[in-house]
Protein backbone atom coordinates (compact mmCIF):
# COMPACT_ATOMS: atom_id res chain seq x y z
CA MET A 1 88.46 -21.83 61.53
CA THR A 2 91.79 -23.23 62.54
CA GLU A 3 93.36 -24.62 65.44
CA SER A 4 94.48 -21.17 65.84
CA GLY A 5 91.37 -20.06 65.63
CA ALA A 6 91.83 -17.93 62.61
CA GLN A 7 89.43 -17.87 59.06
CA PRO A 8 90.86 -20.30 56.45
CA ALA A 9 91.51 -16.95 54.42
CA GLU A 10 93.39 -15.16 57.45
CA ALA A 11 95.57 -18.42 58.46
CA ALA A 12 96.78 -18.74 55.11
CA GLN A 13 97.92 -14.97 54.93
CA ALA A 14 99.57 -15.47 58.22
CA ARG A 15 101.69 -18.74 56.64
CA ALA A 16 102.21 -15.93 53.76
CA ALA A 17 103.84 -13.89 56.36
CA ALA A 18 106.13 -16.28 57.69
CA GLY A 19 107.47 -17.35 54.74
CA GLY A 20 105.21 -20.31 53.93
CA ALA A 21 103.08 -20.39 50.30
CA ALA A 22 99.35 -19.02 51.00
CA VAL A 23 96.82 -21.03 49.10
CA ARG A 24 93.95 -18.95 48.18
CA THR A 25 90.87 -20.65 48.84
CA THR A 26 87.65 -19.25 47.23
CA THR A 27 84.62 -19.90 48.79
CA ALA A 28 80.64 -20.01 47.93
CA ASP A 29 79.87 -16.29 48.98
CA GLU A 30 83.17 -14.67 47.67
CA CYS A 31 81.77 -16.71 43.86
CA ALA A 32 78.29 -15.33 44.54
CA PRO A 33 78.70 -12.00 43.57
CA ASN A 34 80.62 -12.91 40.07
CA ALA A 35 77.39 -15.56 39.64
CA ALA A 36 75.05 -12.60 40.36
CA MET A 37 76.87 -10.44 37.82
CA LEU A 38 77.29 -13.06 35.07
CA ALA A 39 73.48 -13.55 35.35
CA ARG A 40 72.31 -9.92 35.10
CA ALA A 41 75.06 -9.53 32.16
CA PHE A 42 73.23 -12.64 30.47
CA SER A 43 69.61 -11.78 31.33
CA PHE A 44 70.25 -8.37 29.54
CA LEU A 45 72.88 -9.43 26.67
CA GLY A 46 71.25 -13.02 26.42
CA LYS A 47 67.92 -11.47 25.07
CA ARG A 48 67.93 -12.96 21.10
CA TRP A 49 68.84 -10.20 18.59
CA ASN A 50 71.20 -8.12 21.29
CA ALA A 51 74.42 -9.54 20.58
CA MET A 52 73.58 -9.55 16.98
CA ILE A 53 72.75 -5.93 16.86
CA LEU A 54 76.26 -5.02 19.07
CA GLY A 55 78.14 -6.94 16.35
CA GLN A 56 76.16 -5.41 13.40
CA LEU A 57 77.30 -1.84 14.92
CA SER A 58 80.77 -3.05 15.56
CA ASP A 59 81.14 -2.16 11.74
CA GLY A 60 80.18 1.31 12.38
CA PRO A 61 76.98 3.45 12.46
CA ALA A 62 73.85 1.89 10.72
CA GLY A 63 70.38 3.06 10.39
CA PHE A 64 67.11 0.94 11.11
CA ARG A 65 66.68 -0.88 8.17
CA ASP A 66 70.26 -1.72 7.66
CA LEU A 67 70.09 -3.14 11.11
CA SER A 68 67.21 -4.68 9.93
CA ARG A 69 68.42 -6.25 6.84
CA ALA A 70 71.83 -7.19 7.73
CA ILE A 71 69.87 -9.24 10.77
CA GLY A 72 67.81 -10.98 8.49
CA GLY A 73 64.30 -12.63 10.37
CA ILE A 74 63.92 -10.37 13.28
CA SER A 75 60.51 -7.88 12.83
CA ASP A 76 60.53 -4.59 13.44
CA PRO A 77 58.53 -4.29 16.34
CA VAL A 78 61.41 -6.40 17.99
CA LEU A 79 64.19 -4.61 16.10
CA SER A 80 62.51 -1.49 17.38
CA GLY A 81 62.53 -2.72 20.98
CA ARG A 82 65.82 -4.36 21.06
CA LEU A 83 67.19 -1.09 19.94
CA ALA A 84 65.55 0.92 22.45
CA ASP A 85 66.87 -1.85 25.35
CA LEU A 86 70.35 -1.15 24.29
CA THR A 87 69.49 3.05 24.33
CA ALA A 88 68.59 2.67 27.93
CA GLY A 89 71.63 0.23 28.78
CA GLY A 90 73.78 2.79 27.71
CA LEU A 91 75.30 0.52 25.18
CA ILE A 92 74.36 2.26 21.87
CA ASP A 93 73.54 6.13 21.14
CA ARG A 94 70.21 6.81 18.22
CA THR A 95 71.19 10.34 16.23
CA VAL A 96 68.20 11.36 14.23
CA SER A 97 69.29 13.56 11.52
CA GLU A 98 66.57 16.05 10.22
CA GLY A 99 65.87 16.40 6.59
CA PRO A 100 64.38 15.84 4.61
CA PRO A 101 64.85 13.07 4.53
CA LEU A 102 64.54 12.22 8.32
CA ALA A 103 67.87 10.09 9.14
CA VAL A 104 68.35 7.60 11.97
CA SER A 105 71.08 6.13 12.71
CA TYR A 106 72.81 3.80 15.47
CA GLN A 107 76.05 3.55 16.73
CA LEU A 108 78.18 1.63 19.66
CA THR A 109 78.83 4.10 22.63
CA GLU A 110 82.13 3.40 24.47
CA ARG A 111 80.41 1.28 26.67
CA GLY A 112 78.85 -1.03 23.93
CA GLY A 113 82.53 -0.74 22.69
CA ALA A 114 84.32 -1.94 25.53
CA LEU A 115 82.12 -4.96 25.56
CA MET A 116 82.83 -5.65 21.85
CA PRO A 117 86.17 -7.97 23.11
CA ALA A 118 84.21 -10.10 25.30
CA LEU A 119 81.15 -10.62 22.42
CA GLU A 120 83.81 -11.55 19.86
CA GLN A 121 85.68 -14.18 22.62
CA ILE A 122 82.16 -15.87 23.07
CA ALA A 123 81.71 -15.87 18.96
CA ALA A 124 84.94 -17.80 18.90
CA TRP A 125 84.22 -20.13 21.99
CA ALA A 126 80.75 -21.15 20.02
CA ARG A 127 82.81 -21.41 16.54
CA ASP A 128 84.95 -23.99 18.74
CA ASN A 129 82.92 -26.07 20.37
CA LEU A 130 79.35 -25.81 19.16
CA PRO A 131 77.85 -27.64 16.27
CA ALA A 132 77.42 -25.38 13.22
CA ALA A 133 74.11 -24.13 12.52
CA SER A 134 72.18 -24.49 9.39
CA CYS A 135 71.45 -20.65 7.75
């Protein structure tokens, strides 16, 4: 509280209304929702392979085998589980085309596509700031 009994944010607003410059300060309580949202996002997106699957699907729809070959190193059971997670999260759609032969393909949803600019920024940051990994 300030000398006038107002909370700091209220005092800043009062100064701004009186023609003074308001300085916005952020409290730990105000940061908590952002930190919680980041933790929530990375608990889902941070699962190994999820971002790579989304990145592959940013080029267009792909089948299970196409994804498996493109990503490399991911086992079929893990890929299947990650695809199910991403589908349940509303980031990708699973489409079954009646055969013969029966074909299953995956593609980004609008929600998944909206995530791509953020993933591209993370990839650019990694390229610029992390040591190169050997393939």
